[in-house]
């Protein structure tokens, strides 16, 4: 997978995680495991591609920037 694909999946998981109800703790645990897996993949790929980030939060911020840059918001007149 390339960096954009990993960033898209990771950001989708982060966004979706907030919509899982608290009482669905098994689903929350699974989402957390997926988020962690893709976050680690994201940071590894960023290191591989020599993209600097200061910490995991910065890596997350950059993932959202990458996805926004790759899919700019549509402008409907």
N, C-alpha and C. Protein backbone atom coordinates (compact mmCIF):
# COMPACT_ATOMS: atom_id res chain seq x y z
N UNK A 1 0.84 -1.19 0.00
CA UNK A 1 0.00 0.00 0.00
C UNK A 1 0.88 1.24 0.00
N UNK A 2 0.40 2.26 -0.67
CA UNK A 2 1.17 3.51 -0.65
C UNK A 2 0.69 4.39 0.51
N UNK A 3 1.41 5.49 0.71
CA UNK A 3 1.13 6.37 1.85
C UNK A 3 -0.28 6.94 1.82
N UNK A 4 -0.74 7.36 0.66
CA UNK A 4 -2.10 7.94 0.57
C UNK A 4 -3.15 6.90 0.94
N UNK A 5 -3.00 5.68 0.46
CA UNK A 5 -3.97 4.63 0.79
C UNK A 5 -4.01 4.37 2.29
N UNK A 6 -2.84 4.28 2.91
CA UNK A 6 -2.77 4.05 4.36
C UNK A 6 -3.40 5.23 5.09
N UNK A 7 -3.07 6.45 4.69
CA UNK A 7 -3.61 7.65 5.34
C UNK A 7 -5.13 7.71 5.19
N UNK A 8 -5.66 7.34 4.03
CA UNK A 8 -7.12 7.34 3.83
C UNK A 8 -7.80 6.34 4.75
N UNK A 9 -7.26 5.14 4.83
CA UNK A 9 -7.85 4.13 5.70
C UNK A 9 -7.77 4.58 7.15
N UNK A 10 -6.61 5.07 7.56
CA UNK A 10 -6.42 5.50 8.94
C UNK A 10 -7.39 6.64 9.31
N UNK A 11 -7.49 7.65 8.46
CA UNK A 11 -8.37 8.77 8.78
C UNK A 11 -9.84 8.34 8.77
N UNK A 12 -10.20 7.42 7.90
CA UNK A 12 -11.58 6.89 7.90
C UNK A 12 -11.88 6.18 9.22
N UNK A 13 -10.92 5.41 9.71
CA UNK A 13 -11.10 4.71 10.98
C UNK A 13 -11.25 5.71 12.12
N UNK A 14 -10.39 6.73 12.14
CA UNK A 14 -10.46 7.75 13.20
C UNK A 14 -11.83 8.43 13.19
N UNK A 15 -12.31 8.79 12.01
CA UNK A 15 -13.62 9.45 11.90
C UNK A 15 -14.76 8.52 12.31
N UNK A 16 -14.68 7.27 11.90
CA UNK A 16 -15.74 6.30 12.20
C UNK A 16 -15.77 5.91 13.67
N UNK A 17 -14.62 5.92 14.30
CA UNK A 17 -14.52 5.50 15.69
C UNK A 17 -15.44 6.31 16.61
N UNK A 18 -15.58 7.57 16.32
CA UNK A 18 -16.42 8.44 17.14
C UNK A 18 -17.91 8.14 17.03
N UNK A 19 -18.31 7.43 15.99
CA UNK A 19 -19.73 7.14 15.81
C UNK A 19 -20.16 5.82 16.44
N UNK A 20 -19.21 5.08 17.01
CA UNK A 20 -19.55 3.81 17.65
C UNK A 20 -20.02 4.10 19.07
N UNK A 21 -21.23 3.66 19.43
CA UNK A 21 -21.75 3.93 20.78
C UNK A 21 -20.87 3.31 21.87
N UNK A 22 -20.77 3.96 23.00
CA UNK A 22 -19.95 3.49 24.12
C UNK A 22 -20.32 2.08 24.56
N UNK A 23 -21.62 1.73 24.50
CA UNK A 23 -22.05 0.41 24.96
C UNK A 23 -21.58 -0.72 24.03
N UNK A 24 -21.12 -0.36 22.87
CA UNK A 24 -20.59 -1.34 21.91
C UNK A 24 -19.08 -1.51 22.14
N UNK A 25 -18.74 -1.99 23.35
CA UNK A 25 -17.33 -2.01 23.72
C UNK A 25 -16.50 -2.96 22.88
N UNK A 26 -17.08 -4.05 22.38
CA UNK A 26 -16.32 -4.96 21.51
C UNK A 26 -15.98 -4.27 20.19
N UNK A 27 -16.94 -3.56 19.66
CA UNK A 27 -16.70 -2.82 18.41
C UNK A 27 -15.66 -1.73 18.65
N UNK A 28 -15.75 -1.05 19.81
CA UNK A 28 -14.77 -0.01 20.14
C UNK A 28 -13.37 -0.60 20.23
N UNK A 29 -13.25 -1.78 20.84
CA UNK A 29 -11.95 -2.45 20.97
C UNK A 29 -11.39 -2.81 19.59
N UNK A 30 -12.26 -3.31 18.72
CA UNK A 30 -11.82 -3.68 17.37
C UNK A 30 -11.38 -2.44 16.58
N UNK A 31 -12.14 -1.37 16.70
CA UNK A 31 -11.78 -0.12 16.02
C UNK A 31 -10.45 0.40 16.54
N UNK A 32 -10.26 0.32 17.85
CA UNK A 32 -9.01 0.78 18.46
C UNK A 32 -7.83 -0.05 17.94
N UNK A 33 -8.01 -1.36 17.83
CA UNK A 33 -6.95 -2.22 17.32
C UNK A 33 -6.62 -1.87 15.87
N UNK A 34 -7.65 -1.65 15.06
CA UNK A 34 -7.43 -1.27 13.66
C UNK A 34 -6.75 0.10 13.55
N UNK A 35 -7.20 1.04 14.38
CA UNK A 35 -6.60 2.38 14.37
C UNK A 35 -5.12 2.29 14.72
N UNK A 36 -4.80 1.52 15.74
CA UNK A 36 -3.40 1.35 16.15
C UNK A 36 -2.57 0.71 15.03
N UNK A 37 -3.11 -0.35 14.41
CA UNK A 37 -2.40 -1.03 13.33
C UNK A 37 -2.09 -0.07 12.19
N UNK A 38 -3.10 0.67 11.74
CA UNK A 38 -2.90 1.58 10.62
C UNK A 38 -2.06 2.79 11.00
N UNK A 39 -2.12 3.21 12.24
CA UNK A 39 -1.27 4.32 12.68
C UNK A 39 0.19 3.90 12.64
N UNK A 40 0.48 2.68 13.07
CA UNK A 40 1.85 2.17 13.01
C UNK A 40 2.32 2.03 11.57
N UNK A 41 1.42 1.53 10.69
CA UNK A 41 1.76 1.44 9.27
C UNK A 41 2.02 2.83 8.68
N UNK A 42 1.19 3.78 9.06
CA UNK A 42 1.32 5.16 8.58
C UNK A 42 2.68 5.73 8.97
N UNK A 43 3.04 5.61 10.24
CA UNK A 43 4.31 6.18 10.69
C UNK A 43 5.50 5.47 10.04
N UNK A 44 5.42 4.16 9.86
CA UNK A 44 6.50 3.42 9.20
C UNK A 44 6.67 3.90 7.75
N UNK A 45 5.54 4.07 7.06
CA UNK A 45 5.60 4.52 5.66
C UNK A 45 6.11 5.96 5.57
N UNK A 46 5.71 6.79 6.53
CA UNK A 46 6.20 8.17 6.54
C UNK A 46 7.71 8.20 6.75
N UNK A 47 8.21 7.36 7.65
CA UNK A 47 9.66 7.28 7.87
C UNK A 47 10.35 6.80 6.59
N UNK A 48 9.76 5.77 5.96
CA UNK A 48 10.32 5.22 4.73
C UNK A 48 10.41 6.29 3.63
N UNK A 49 9.40 7.14 3.57
CA UNK A 49 9.36 8.19 2.55
C UNK A 49 9.99 9.50 3.02
N UNK A 50 10.67 9.42 4.17
CA UNK A 50 11.42 10.57 4.71
C UNK A 50 10.52 11.78 5.00
N UNK A 51 9.32 11.51 5.49
CA UNK A 51 8.41 12.59 5.90
C UNK A 51 8.56 12.73 7.41
N UNK A 52 9.03 13.90 7.82
CA UNK A 52 9.28 14.14 9.24
C UNK A 52 7.99 14.38 10.00
N UNK A 53 7.96 13.85 11.23
CA UNK A 53 6.88 14.14 12.17
C UNK A 53 7.49 14.07 13.56
N UNK A 54 6.99 14.92 14.45
CA UNK A 54 7.60 15.02 15.78
C UNK A 54 7.11 13.96 16.75
N UNK A 55 5.86 13.55 16.60
CA UNK A 55 5.30 12.52 17.48
C UNK A 55 4.08 11.91 16.80
N UNK A 56 3.40 11.02 17.50
CA UNK A 56 2.26 10.33 16.88
C UNK A 56 1.12 11.29 16.55
N UNK A 57 0.98 12.34 17.34
CA UNK A 57 -0.08 13.32 17.09
C UNK A 57 0.21 14.10 15.81
N UNK A 58 1.49 14.45 15.63
CA UNK A 58 1.90 15.14 14.41
C UNK A 58 1.69 14.24 13.19
N UNK A 59 1.98 12.96 13.34
CA UNK A 59 1.76 12.01 12.24
C UNK A 59 0.28 11.95 11.87
N UNK A 60 -0.58 11.95 12.88
CA UNK A 60 -2.03 11.95 12.63
C UNK A 60 -2.44 13.21 11.89
N UNK A 61 -1.95 14.35 12.35
CA UNK A 61 -2.27 15.63 11.69
C UNK A 61 -1.83 15.60 10.23
N UNK A 62 -0.64 15.08 9.98
CA UNK A 62 -0.13 15.02 8.61
C UNK A 62 -0.94 14.05 7.76
N UNK A 63 -1.44 12.98 8.36
CA UNK A 63 -2.28 12.04 7.61
C UNK A 63 -3.54 12.74 7.12
N UNK A 64 -4.18 13.53 7.99
CA UNK A 64 -5.37 14.27 7.57
C UNK A 64 -5.02 15.31 6.51
N UNK A 65 -3.87 15.95 6.62
CA UNK A 65 -3.45 16.91 5.60
C UNK A 65 -3.22 16.22 4.26
N UNK A 66 -2.59 15.05 4.29
CA UNK A 66 -2.34 14.30 3.05
C UNK A 66 -3.65 13.94 2.36
N UNK A 67 -4.60 13.46 3.13
CA UNK A 67 -5.89 13.06 2.56
C UNK A 67 -6.63 14.27 2.02
N UNK A 68 -6.62 15.37 2.76
CA UNK A 68 -7.28 16.60 2.28
C UNK A 68 -6.62 17.10 1.01
N UNK A 69 -5.29 17.02 0.94
CA UNK A 69 -4.57 17.47 -0.25
C UNK A 69 -4.82 16.58 -1.44
N UNK A 70 -5.03 15.31 -1.19
CA UNK A 70 -5.26 14.36 -2.27
C UNK A 70 -6.71 14.43 -2.75
N UNK A 71 -7.63 14.73 -1.84
CA UNK A 71 -9.06 14.87 -2.15
C UNK A 71 -9.53 16.25 -1.71
N UNK A 72 -9.19 17.29 -2.46
CA UNK A 72 -9.63 18.63 -2.05
C UNK A 72 -11.15 18.71 -2.01
N UNK A 73 -11.67 19.54 -1.11
CA UNK A 73 -13.14 19.70 -1.02
C UNK A 73 -13.72 20.16 -2.35
N UNK A 74 -14.87 19.63 -2.68
CA UNK A 74 -15.50 20.04 -3.94
C UNK A 74 -16.11 21.42 -3.76
N UNK A 75 -16.13 22.15 -4.85
CA UNK A 75 -16.74 23.48 -4.83
C UNK A 75 -17.93 23.46 -5.78
N UNK A 76 -19.08 23.38 -5.20
CA UNK A 76 -20.32 23.38 -6.00
C UNK A 76 -20.91 24.78 -5.96
N UNK A 77 -21.02 25.43 -7.12
CA UNK A 77 -21.56 26.80 -7.16
C UNK A 77 -23.04 26.85 -6.85
